[in-house]
């Protein structure tokens, strides 16, 4: 009975298609070599080695960046002089309060009082997109006598780094992408930022990791094995050669993805901003990578 119903439904759909178009039509395949159509409002792809543009769509239009902001957070940390990745940071109540205050923002589920290393915080920042990890890093690497001053100092370093990289359409007002109205970038700028970050071996290692389990030190000196952090980047499990880098989303940002892949020694890197859904974001990036490898 179920099979007959399904067949009847298929006939109905086919008939509907014929009525609507006058004939059964098949969607035309994308012409070989033509630029793909994407759902995202903005997109950019370049050859990572040469910096040559391979695809542009509103590539210099400023948009909200969501958690792709955390690429800059990580880069600022990794640019610190005499950086010790094994240095320990004690998780403050302010970090967990911040998550709650921001409608349970994406987090690494850091536990107040635990000591975590800077390396672990980078994984917590980039894999589950932990805003608590971002706060901890901004607090540690900003300068000032109060937490608020340290955070502002860190955001200042983010903007200085953007300026030094020549990112003329980029500005940060937060350490994690939960902006206050002036946290923005463009597909071209974010791609350039990611390219700069990917020059750092620690960054490369972190962003291509699918899953990471941190062992932290508890208040009493014991060891806590955290629940595994899973990378939010869908391409790592679906696109051959994918090597990073970061998702982003939000009411204003919609669905964003900065992505990179290497095939046959060629690395293609790019960004989509303001896609329509998580599925569309992944599809957009896949199309752009495929296109980039043909150029």
Protein backbone atom coordinates (compact mmCIF):
# COMPACT_ATOMS: atom_id res chain seq x y z
CA UNK A 1 0.00 0.00 0.00
CA UNK A 2 2.78 2.39 0.96
CA UNK A 3 4.58 1.79 -2.35
CA UNK A 4 1.44 2.49 -4.39
CA UNK A 5 0.87 5.72 -2.45
CA UNK A 6 4.41 6.83 -3.10
CA UNK A 7 4.04 6.06 -6.81
CA UNK A 8 0.79 7.99 -6.95
CA UNK A 9 2.47 10.95 -5.22
CA UNK A 10 5.34 10.81 -7.72
CA UNK A 11 2.88 10.86 -10.62
CA UNK A 12 1.08 13.86 -9.06
CA UNK A 13 4.35 15.77 -8.65
CA UNK A 14 5.38 14.96 -12.24
CA UNK A 15 2.00 16.01 -13.57
CA UNK A 16 2.23 19.25 -11.59
CA UNK A 17 5.63 19.97 -13.08
CA UNK A 18 4.29 19.39 -16.59
CA UNK A 19 1.28 21.62 -15.98
CA UNK A 20 3.45 24.38 -14.60
CA UNK A 21 5.99 24.36 -17.40
CA UNK A 22 4.25 22.71 -20.30
CA UNK A 23 6.93 20.03 -20.33
CA UNK A 24 9.09 18.06 -17.96
CA UNK A 25 12.17 20.17 -17.36
CA UNK A 26 15.50 19.29 -15.82
CA UNK A 27 17.53 21.97 -14.05
CA UNK A 28 20.45 22.85 -16.31
CA UNK A 29 23.85 21.80 -15.06
CA UNK A 30 26.16 24.67 -14.20
CA UNK A 31 28.17 25.55 -17.28
CA UNK A 32 31.73 24.34 -17.03
CA UNK A 33 34.01 27.07 -15.69
CA UNK A 34 31.23 29.55 -14.88
CA UNK A 35 31.16 31.20 -11.46
CA UNK A 36 28.76 29.45 -9.06
CA UNK A 37 25.62 31.01 -7.66
CA UNK A 38 25.61 31.16 -3.84
CA UNK A 39 22.94 31.91 -1.24
CA UNK A 40 25.29 34.09 0.80
CA UNK A 41 25.11 37.86 0.33
CA UNK A 42 28.89 38.10 0.16
CA UNK A 43 31.68 35.80 -0.90
CA UNK A 44 35.36 35.82 -1.77
CA UNK A 45 37.93 33.18 -2.70
CA UNK A 46 41.64 33.48 -3.34
CA UNK A 47 44.69 31.38 -4.07
CA UNK A 48 46.39 31.30 -0.68
CA UNK A 49 49.92 31.16 -2.10
CA UNK A 50 49.63 34.03 -4.57
CA UNK A 51 46.78 36.11 -3.11
CA UNK A 52 45.09 36.06 -6.53
CA UNK A 53 41.31 36.64 -6.41
CA UNK A 54 39.38 33.67 -7.81
CA UNK A 55 35.79 34.69 -7.00
CA UNK A 56 34.05 37.82 -5.70
CA UNK A 57 30.49 38.65 -4.69
CA UNK A 58 30.04 41.90 -2.74
CA UNK A 59 33.54 41.11 -1.52
CA UNK A 60 34.13 44.57 -0.03
CA UNK A 61 30.70 45.14 1.50
CA UNK A 62 30.90 45.45 5.29
CA UNK A 63 28.80 42.94 7.21
CA UNK A 64 28.48 41.56 10.71
CA UNK A 65 30.95 38.70 11.17
CA UNK A 66 29.57 36.63 14.05
CA UNK A 67 32.11 34.22 15.52
CA UNK A 68 34.46 34.43 12.54
CA UNK A 69 35.73 37.33 14.70
CA UNK A 70 37.48 34.66 16.80
CA UNK A 71 40.06 34.18 14.04
CA UNK A 72 41.40 37.60 15.04
CA UNK A 73 41.09 36.76 18.76
CA UNK A 74 43.33 33.74 18.19
CA UNK A 75 45.78 35.64 16.00
CA UNK A 76 46.26 38.42 18.57
CA UNK A 77 47.04 35.79 21.23
CA UNK A 78 49.45 33.93 18.94
CA UNK A 79 51.26 37.19 18.08
CA UNK A 80 52.13 37.88 21.74
CA UNK A 81 55.86 38.11 22.37
CA UNK A 82 57.27 35.29 24.50
CA UNK A 83 53.96 33.41 24.25
CA UNK A 84 53.79 30.39 26.53
CA UNK A 85 50.99 28.09 25.32
CA UNK A 86 51.27 26.06 28.53
CA UNK A 87 50.69 29.09 30.74
CA UNK A 88 47.62 28.53 32.94
CA UNK A 89 44.56 30.73 33.28
CA UNK A 90 42.07 30.41 36.13
CA UNK A 91 38.46 30.44 34.89
CA UNK A 92 36.62 33.39 36.47
CA UNK A 93 32.92 33.59 37.32
CA UNK A 94 32.70 36.63 35.01
CA UNK A 95 33.34 34.36 32.00
CA UNK A 96 30.44 32.03 32.76
CA UNK A 97 28.17 34.94 33.76
CA UNK A 98 28.89 36.50 30.37
CA UNK A 99 27.62 33.36 28.60
CA UNK A 100 24.35 33.44 30.55
CA UNK A 101 23.90 37.19 30.06
CA UNK A 102 24.23 36.69 26.30
CA UNK A 103 21.41 34.16 25.97
CA UNK A 104 23.65 31.17 26.53
CA UNK A 105 26.14 32.13 23.84
CA UNK A 106 28.24 29.36 22.31
CA UNK A 107 30.74 28.20 24.90
CA UNK A 108 33.40 25.68 25.88
CA UNK A 109 31.62 24.89 29.20
CA UNK A 110 34.63 26.13 31.17
CA UNK A 111 34.21 25.55 34.91
CA UNK A 112 34.83 28.40 37.36
CA UNK A 113 37.98 27.83 39.39
CA UNK A 114 39.55 25.39 36.93
CA UNK A 115 42.99 26.17 35.55
CA UNK A 116 43.25 25.80 31.77
CA UNK A 117 46.24 26.34 29.53
CA UNK A 118 46.36 28.97 26.79
CA UNK A 119 46.64 26.14 24.26
CA UNK A 120 43.44 24.58 25.63
CA UNK A 121 41.70 27.96 25.50
CA UNK A 122 42.59 28.25 21.81
CA UNK A 123 40.92 24.90 21.14
CA UNK A 124 37.94 25.98 23.26
CA UNK A 125 37.80 29.21 21.26
CA UNK A 126 38.00 27.74 17.76
CA UNK A 127 36.27 24.33 17.97
CA UNK A 128 33.03 24.84 19.97
CA UNK A 129 33.37 28.62 19.39
CA UNK A 130 33.60 29.31 23.10
CA UNK A 131 32.81 32.90 24.03
CA UNK A 132 33.97 32.01 27.56
CA UNK A 133 37.37 31.00 26.15
CA UNK A 134 37.48 34.26 24.16
CA UNK A 135 36.79 36.25 27.32
CA UNK A 136 39.51 34.38 29.23
CA UNK A 137 42.07 35.10 26.50
CA UNK A 138 41.10 38.77 26.24
CA UNK A 139 41.36 39.10 30.03
CA UNK A 140 44.80 37.47 30.06
CA UNK A 141 46.35 39.28 27.09
CA UNK A 142 44.84 42.72 27.49
CA UNK A 143 46.58 45.24 29.76
CA UNK A 144 45.00 47.28 32.53
CA UNK A 145 44.14 47.31 36.21
CA UNK A 146 40.55 46.09 35.75
CA UNK A 147 38.99 43.34 33.66
CA UNK A 148 37.02 45.93 31.65
CA UNK A 149 40.23 47.80 30.82
CA UNK A 150 42.02 44.60 29.86
CA UNK A 151 39.19 43.60 27.54
CA UNK A 152 39.15 47.03 25.87
CA UNK A 153 42.93 46.85 25.51
CA UNK A 154 42.66 43.45 23.84
CA UNK A 155 40.00 44.68 21.40
CA UNK A 156 42.35 47.57 20.65
CA UNK A 157 45.04 45.02 19.75
CA UNK A 158 42.56 43.31 17.43
CA UNK A 159 41.95 46.58 15.58
CA UNK A 160 45.66 47.42 15.45
CA UNK A 161 46.36 43.99 13.95
CA UNK A 162 43.60 44.53 11.38
CA UNK A 163 45.16 47.86 10.43
CA UNK A 164 48.64 46.32 10.18
CA UNK A 165 47.26 43.62 7.86
CA UNK A 166 45.72 46.30 5.63
CA UNK A 167 42.14 45.28 6.39
CA UNK A 168 40.52 48.62 5.59
CA UNK A 169 36.91 47.46 5.94
CA UNK A 170 37.28 45.68 9.27
CA UNK A 171 36.53 46.85 12.80
CA UNK A 172 36.02 44.97 16.06
CA UNK A 173 34.11 46.06 19.13
CA UNK A 174 34.11 42.64 20.81
CA UNK A 175 36.52 39.77 21.46
CA UNK A 176 34.09 37.10 20.22
CA UNK A 177 31.70 38.57 17.63
CA UNK A 178 28.88 39.44 20.03
CA UNK A 179 29.18 43.00 18.81
CA UNK A 180 27.75 46.30 19.95
CA UNK A 181 26.89 47.51 16.47
CA UNK A 182 30.34 48.18 15.04
CA UNK A 183 31.81 44.69 14.68
CA UNK A 184 32.19 44.20 10.93
CA UNK A 185 34.40 42.96 8.13
CA UNK A 186 34.12 41.87 4.50
CA UNK A 187 34.62 38.56 2.68
CA UNK A 188 37.92 39.82 1.23
CA UNK A 189 39.24 41.12 4.57
CA UNK A 190 38.28 37.99 6.50
CA UNK A 191 39.95 35.82 3.86
CA UNK A 192 43.14 37.87 4.16
CA UNK A 193 42.93 37.64 7.95
CA UNK A 194 42.53 33.85 7.81
CA UNK A 195 45.43 33.59 5.37
CA UNK A 196 47.64 35.51 7.81
CA UNK A 197 46.51 33.34 10.72
CA UNK A 198 47.15 30.14 8.76
CA UNK A 199 50.83 31.06 8.59
CA UNK A 200 50.98 30.18 12.31
CA UNK A 201 51.53 26.45 12.88
CA UNK A 202 49.57 26.39 16.15
CA UNK A 203 46.59 28.06 14.50
CA UNK A 204 46.72 25.58 11.59
CA UNK A 205 46.83 22.64 13.99
CA UNK A 206 43.89 23.92 16.04
CA UNK A 207 41.52 24.77 13.18
CA UNK A 208 41.92 21.46 11.36
CA UNK A 209 41.21 19.45 14.54
CA UNK A 210 37.77 17.79 14.49
CA UNK A 211 37.62 16.92 18.20
CA UNK A 212 39.69 17.79 21.26
CA UNK A 213 39.49 16.69 24.89
CA UNK A 214 41.03 19.03 27.46
CA UNK A 215 42.27 17.90 30.84
CA UNK A 216 42.06 20.83 33.23
CA UNK A 217 43.27 21.32 36.80
CA UNK A 218 40.51 21.69 39.38
CA UNK A 219 40.47 24.06 42.36
CA UNK A 220 41.57 21.23 44.62
CA UNK A 221 44.48 20.30 42.34
CA UNK A 222 42.86 17.28 40.74
CA UNK A 223 42.43 16.62 37.03
CA UNK A 224 39.15 17.12 35.22
CA UNK A 225 38.59 15.53 31.81
CA UNK A 226 36.31 17.91 29.96
CA UNK A 227 33.59 16.74 27.59
CA UNK A 228 35.13 16.69 24.09
CA UNK A 229 35.00 19.90 22.06
CA UNK A 230 33.76 19.29 18.52
CA UNK A 231 34.70 21.60 15.67
CA UNK A 232 31.68 23.50 14.31
CA UNK A 233 33.24 23.60 10.81
CA UNK A 234 31.17 21.14 8.72
CA UNK A 235 33.72 20.98 5.88
CA UNK A 236 36.25 19.07 8.00
CA UNK A 237 34.10 15.96 7.73
CA UNK A 238 32.63 16.51 4.29
CA UNK A 239 35.18 18.15 2.00
CA UNK A 240 38.32 16.32 0.91
CA UNK A 241 41.38 18.41 1.74
CA UNK A 242 39.59 20.79 4.13
CA UNK A 243 42.02 22.34 6.64
CA UNK A 244 39.89 24.96 8.52
CA UNK A 245 38.97 27.65 9.49
CA UNK A 246 35.87 29.06 11.34
CA UNK A 247 32.08 29.28 11.38
CA UNK A 248 30.05 32.26 12.54
CA UNK A 249 26.37 32.96 13.00
CA UNK A 250 23.99 35.38 14.65
CA UNK A 251 20.75 37.32 14.16
CA UNK A 252 22.55 40.02 12.19
CA UNK A 253 25.44 37.98 10.74
CA UNK A 254 23.16 35.14 9.54
CA UNK A 255 25.39 32.17 8.59
CA UNK A 256 29.09 32.74 7.88
CA UNK A 257 32.03 30.49 7.13
CA UNK A 258 35.70 31.17 6.53
CA UNK A 259 37.10 28.08 4.83
CA UNK A 260 40.30 26.62 3.39
CA UNK A 261 41.31 23.42 1.66
CA UNK A 262 44.45 22.00 0.09
CA UNK A 263 44.51 19.67 -2.91
CA UNK A 264 47.57 18.64 -4.93
CA UNK A 265 49.66 21.26 -3.16
CA UNK A 266 47.27 24.13 -3.93
CA UNK A 267 45.47 25.90 -1.08
CA UNK A 268 42.24 27.76 -1.76
CA UNK A 269 40.91 30.02 1.00
CA UNK A 270 37.73 32.06 1.18
CA UNK A 271 34.73 33.42 3.05
CA UNK A 272 30.95 33.49 2.76
CA UNK A 273 28.99 36.02 4.82
CA UNK A 274 25.23 36.22 5.46
CA UNK A 275 24.21 32.88 4.00
CA UNK A 276 20.65 31.74 4.60
CA UNK A 277 21.16 28.63 6.75
CA UNK A 278 23.84 26.31 8.10
CA UNK A 279 23.19 23.95 5.19
CA UNK A 280 23.38 26.76 2.62
CA UNK A 281 26.60 28.04 4.18
CA UNK A 282 28.22 24.61 3.76
CA UNK A 283 26.90 24.29 0.19
CA UNK A 284 28.15 27.80 -0.68
CA UNK A 285 31.65 27.05 0.63
CA UNK A 286 31.77 23.70 -1.17
CA UNK A 287 30.80 25.32 -4.47
CA UNK A 288 33.38 28.07 -4.04
CA UNK A 289 36.17 25.65 -3.15
CA UNK A 290 35.35 23.45 -6.15
CA UNK A 291 35.35 26.52 -8.36
CA UNK A 292 38.58 27.82 -6.83
CA UNK A 293 40.41 24.58 -7.57
CA UNK A 294 39.49 24.87 -11.28
CA UNK A 295 41.02 28.35 -11.59
